[in-house]
Amino acid sequence: MAHYKGAASEAGRAIHLMKKREKAQQEIEFRKKKIEEDLKISNIENKFAAHYDAVEQQLKVNIILNNFRVSDTINKYAVLLLPFLCVLITWSTYFFSSRLV
């Protein structure tokens, strides 16, 4: 008795699926290699470049904030000391001008 193995279109479909699978595997391998090349570091200086830039930027921000805090503190004390300085200048001017006469 003859065995029924399916239509000829089924064999063609199986070949088509195998080719499609092989093409997908080749594409996956290509993408893997491309990712590896993108992530490959040519030398050690490039490895920490992005991190260094982030740290440098954070240090700049901290320095600017500290400068604002210091200048704010100086301004606050300058406002408090201004009347005292005015009195001191007035007294010193009076004291030295009276000695000269």
C-alpha atoms as a PDB file:
ATOM      1  CA  MET A   1       0.000   0.000   0.000  1.00  0.00           C
ATOM      2  CA  ALA A   2       1.238   3.455  -0.794  1.00  0.00           C
ATOM      3  CA  HIS A   3       1.792   5.937   1.978  1.00  0.00           C
ATOM      4  CA  TYR A   4       0.329   9.399   1.660  1.00  0.00           C
ATOM      5  CA  LYS A   5       3.065  11.928   2.467  1.00  0.00           C
ATOM      6  CA  GLY A   6       1.081  15.080   1.895  1.00  0.00           C
ATOM      7  CA  ALA A   7       0.807  17.462  -0.956  1.00  0.00           C
ATOM      8  CA  ALA A   8       3.827  18.817  -2.800  1.00  0.00           C
ATOM      9  CA  SER A   9       2.968  22.259  -1.444  1.00  0.00           C
ATOM     10  CA  GLU A  10       3.672  20.983   2.092  1.00  0.00           C
ATOM     11  CA  ALA A  11       7.228  20.062   1.092  1.00  0.00           C
ATOM     12  CA  GLY A  12       7.687  23.486  -0.458  1.00  0.00           C
ATOM     13  CA  ARG A  13       6.324  25.112   2.696  1.00  0.00           C
ATOM     14  CA  ALA A  14       8.775  23.153   4.865  1.00  0.00           C
ATOM     15  CA  ILE A  15      11.711  24.226   2.672  1.00  0.00           C
ATOM     16  CA  HIS A  16      10.518  27.838   2.802  1.00  0.00           C
ATOM     17  CA  LEU A  17      10.263  27.737   6.624  1.00  0.00           C
ATOM     18  CA  MET A  18      13.762  26.254   6.912  1.00  0.00           C
ATOM     19  CA  LYS A  19      15.196  28.989   4.699  1.00  0.00           C
ATOM     20  CA  LYS A  20      13.318  31.644   6.681  1.00  0.00           C
ATOM     21  CA  ARG A  21      14.686  30.234   9.950  1.00  0.00           C
ATOM     22  CA  GLU A  22      18.249  30.167   8.582  1.00  0.00           C
ATOM     23  CA  LYS A  23      17.923  33.780   7.408  1.00  0.00           C
ATOM     24  CA  ALA A  24      16.635  34.841  10.847  1.00  0.00           C
ATOM     25  CA  GLN A  25      19.584  33.116  12.542  1.00  0.00           C
ATOM     26  CA  GLN A  26      22.024  34.900  10.236  1.00  0.00           C
ATOM     27  CA  GLU A  27      20.380  38.225  11.021  1.00  0.00           C
ATOM     28  CA  ILE A  28      20.612  37.524  14.764  1.00  0.00           C
ATOM     29  CA  GLU A  29      24.322  36.717  14.409  1.00  0.00           C
ATOM     30  CA  PHE A  30      24.854  39.927  12.432  1.00  0.00           C
ATOM     31  CA  ARG A  31      23.092  41.987  15.122  1.00  0.00           C
ATOM     32  CA  LYS A  32      25.154  40.292  17.844  1.00  0.00           C
ATOM     33  CA  LYS A  33      28.388  41.164  16.075  1.00  0.00           C
ATOM     34  CA  LYS A  34      27.246  44.735  15.514  1.00  0.00           C
ATOM     35  CA  ILE A  35      26.390  45.162  19.197  1.00  0.00           C
ATOM     36  CA  GLU A  36      29.749  43.684  20.200  1.00  0.00           C
ATOM     37  CA  GLU A  37      31.541  46.138  17.908  1.00  0.00           C
ATOM     38  CA  ASP A  38      29.529  49.070  19.265  1.00  0.00           C
ATOM     39  CA  LEU A  39      30.319  48.118  22.848  1.00  0.00           C
ATOM     40  CA  LYS A  40      33.951  47.326  22.156  1.00  0.00           C
ATOM     41  CA  ILE A  41      36.303  49.788  23.846  1.00  0.00           C
ATOM     42  CA  SER A  42      39.404  50.660  21.900  1.00  0.00           C
ATOM     43  CA  ASN A  43      41.426  51.908  24.862  1.00  0.00           C
ATOM     44  CA  ILE A  44      41.069  52.427  28.600  1.00  0.00           C
ATOM     45  CA  GLU A  45      40.634  56.227  28.368  1.00  0.00           C
ATOM     46  CA  ASN A  46      37.331  55.837  26.534  1.00  0.00           C
ATOM     47  CA  LYS A  47      36.000  53.426  29.126  1.00  0.00           C
ATOM     48  CA  PHE A  48      35.570  56.073  31.813  1.00  0.00           C
ATOM     49  CA  ALA A  49      34.962  59.120  29.603  1.00  0.00           C
ATOM     50  CA  ALA A  50      31.200  59.354  30.139  1.00  0.00           C
ATOM     51  CA  HIS A  51      31.493  58.758  33.864  1.00  0.00           C
ATOM     52  CA  TYR A  52      34.225  61.379  34.111  1.00  0.00           C
ATOM     53  CA  ASP A  53      32.048  63.944  32.328  1.00  0.00           C
ATOM     54  CA  ALA A  54      29.169  63.279  34.697  1.00  0.00           C
ATOM     55  CA  VAL A  55      31.401  63.593  37.758  1.00  0.00           C
ATOM     56  CA  GLU A  56      32.984  66.770  36.396  1.00  0.00           C
ATOM     57  CA  GLN A  57      29.560  68.296  35.759  1.00  0.00           C
ATOM     58  CA  GLN A  58      28.401  67.409  39.268  1.00  0.00           C
ATOM     59  CA  LEU A  59      31.533  68.987  40.758  1.00  0.00           C
ATOM     60  CA  LYS A  60      30.920  72.173  38.785  1.00  0.00           C
ATOM     61  CA  VAL A  61      27.349  72.337  40.045  1.00  0.00           C
ATOM     62  CA  ASN A  62      28.500  71.793  43.638  1.00  0.00           C
ATOM     63  CA  ILE A  63      31.156  74.517  43.338  1.00  0.00           C
ATOM     64  CA  ILE A  64      28.629  76.993  41.946  1.00  0.00           C
ATOM     65  CA  LEU A  65      26.161  76.191  44.721  1.00  0.00           C
ATOM     66  CA  ASN A  66      28.869  76.588  47.351  1.00  0.00           C
ATOM     67  CA  ASN A  67      29.879  79.945  45.860  1.00  0.00           C
ATOM     68  CA  PHE A  68      26.281  81.129  46.061  1.00  0.00           C
ATOM     69  CA  ARG A  69      26.066  79.997  49.674  1.00  0.00           C
ATOM     70  CA  VAL A  70      29.310  81.767  50.580  1.00  0.00           C
ATOM     71  CA  SER A  71      28.332  84.963  48.797  1.00  0.00           C
ATOM     72  CA  ASP A  72      24.900  84.843  50.433  1.00  0.00           C
ATOM     73  CA  THR A  73      26.543  84.456  53.847  1.00  0.00           C
ATOM     74  CA  ILE A  74      28.931  87.330  53.146  1.00  0.00           C
ATOM     75  CA  ASN A  75      26.061  89.546  52.030  1.00  0.00           C
ATOM     76  CA  LYS A  76      24.079  88.690  55.144  1.00  0.00           C
ATOM     77  CA  TYR A  77      26.962  89.589  57.461  1.00  0.00           C
ATOM     78  CA  ALA A  78      27.824  92.668  55.421  1.00  0.00           C
ATOM     79  CA  VAL A  79      24.302  93.984  55.958  1.00  0.00           C
ATOM     80  CA  LEU A  80      24.626  93.298  59.685  1.00  0.00           C
ATOM     81  CA  LEU A  81      28.069  94.912  59.940  1.00  0.00           C
ATOM     82  CA  LEU A  82      27.374  97.935  57.745  1.00  0.00           C
ATOM     83  CA  PRO A  83      26.022 100.204  60.536  1.00  0.00           C
ATOM     84  CA  PHE A  84      28.944  99.247  62.762  1.00  0.00           C
ATOM     85  CA  LEU A  85      31.426 100.041  59.986  1.00  0.00           C
ATOM     86  CA  CYS A  86      29.773 103.414  59.350  1.00  0.00           C
ATOM     87  CA  VAL A  87      30.099 104.322  63.032  1.00  0.00           C
ATOM     88  CA  LEU A  88      33.699 103.126  63.092  1.00  0.00           C
ATOM     89  CA  ILE A  89      34.592 105.209  60.054  1.00  0.00           C
ATOM     90  CA  THR A  90      32.896 108.256  61.507  1.00  0.00           C
ATOM     91  CA  TRP A  91      34.719 107.898  64.829  1.00  0.00           C
ATOM     92  CA  SER A  92      38.079 107.271  63.194  1.00  0.00           C
ATOM     93  CA  THR A  93      37.607 110.298  60.950  1.00  0.00           C
ATOM     94  CA  TYR A  94      36.724 112.439  63.976  1.00  0.00           C
ATOM     95  CA  PHE A  95      39.608 111.061  66.038  1.00  0.00           C
ATOM     96  CA  PHE A  96      42.245 111.596  63.356  1.00  0.00           C
ATOM     97  CA  SER A  97      40.945 114.997  62.273  1.00  0.00           C
ATOM     98  CA  SER A  98      41.012 116.266  65.872  1.00  0.00           C
ATOM     99  CA  ARG A  99      44.635 115.160  66.254  1.00  0.00           C
ATOM    100  CA  LEU A 100      45.724 116.971  63.124  1.00  0.00           C
ATOM    101  CA  VAL A 101      44.402 120.339  64.298  1.00  0.00           C
END
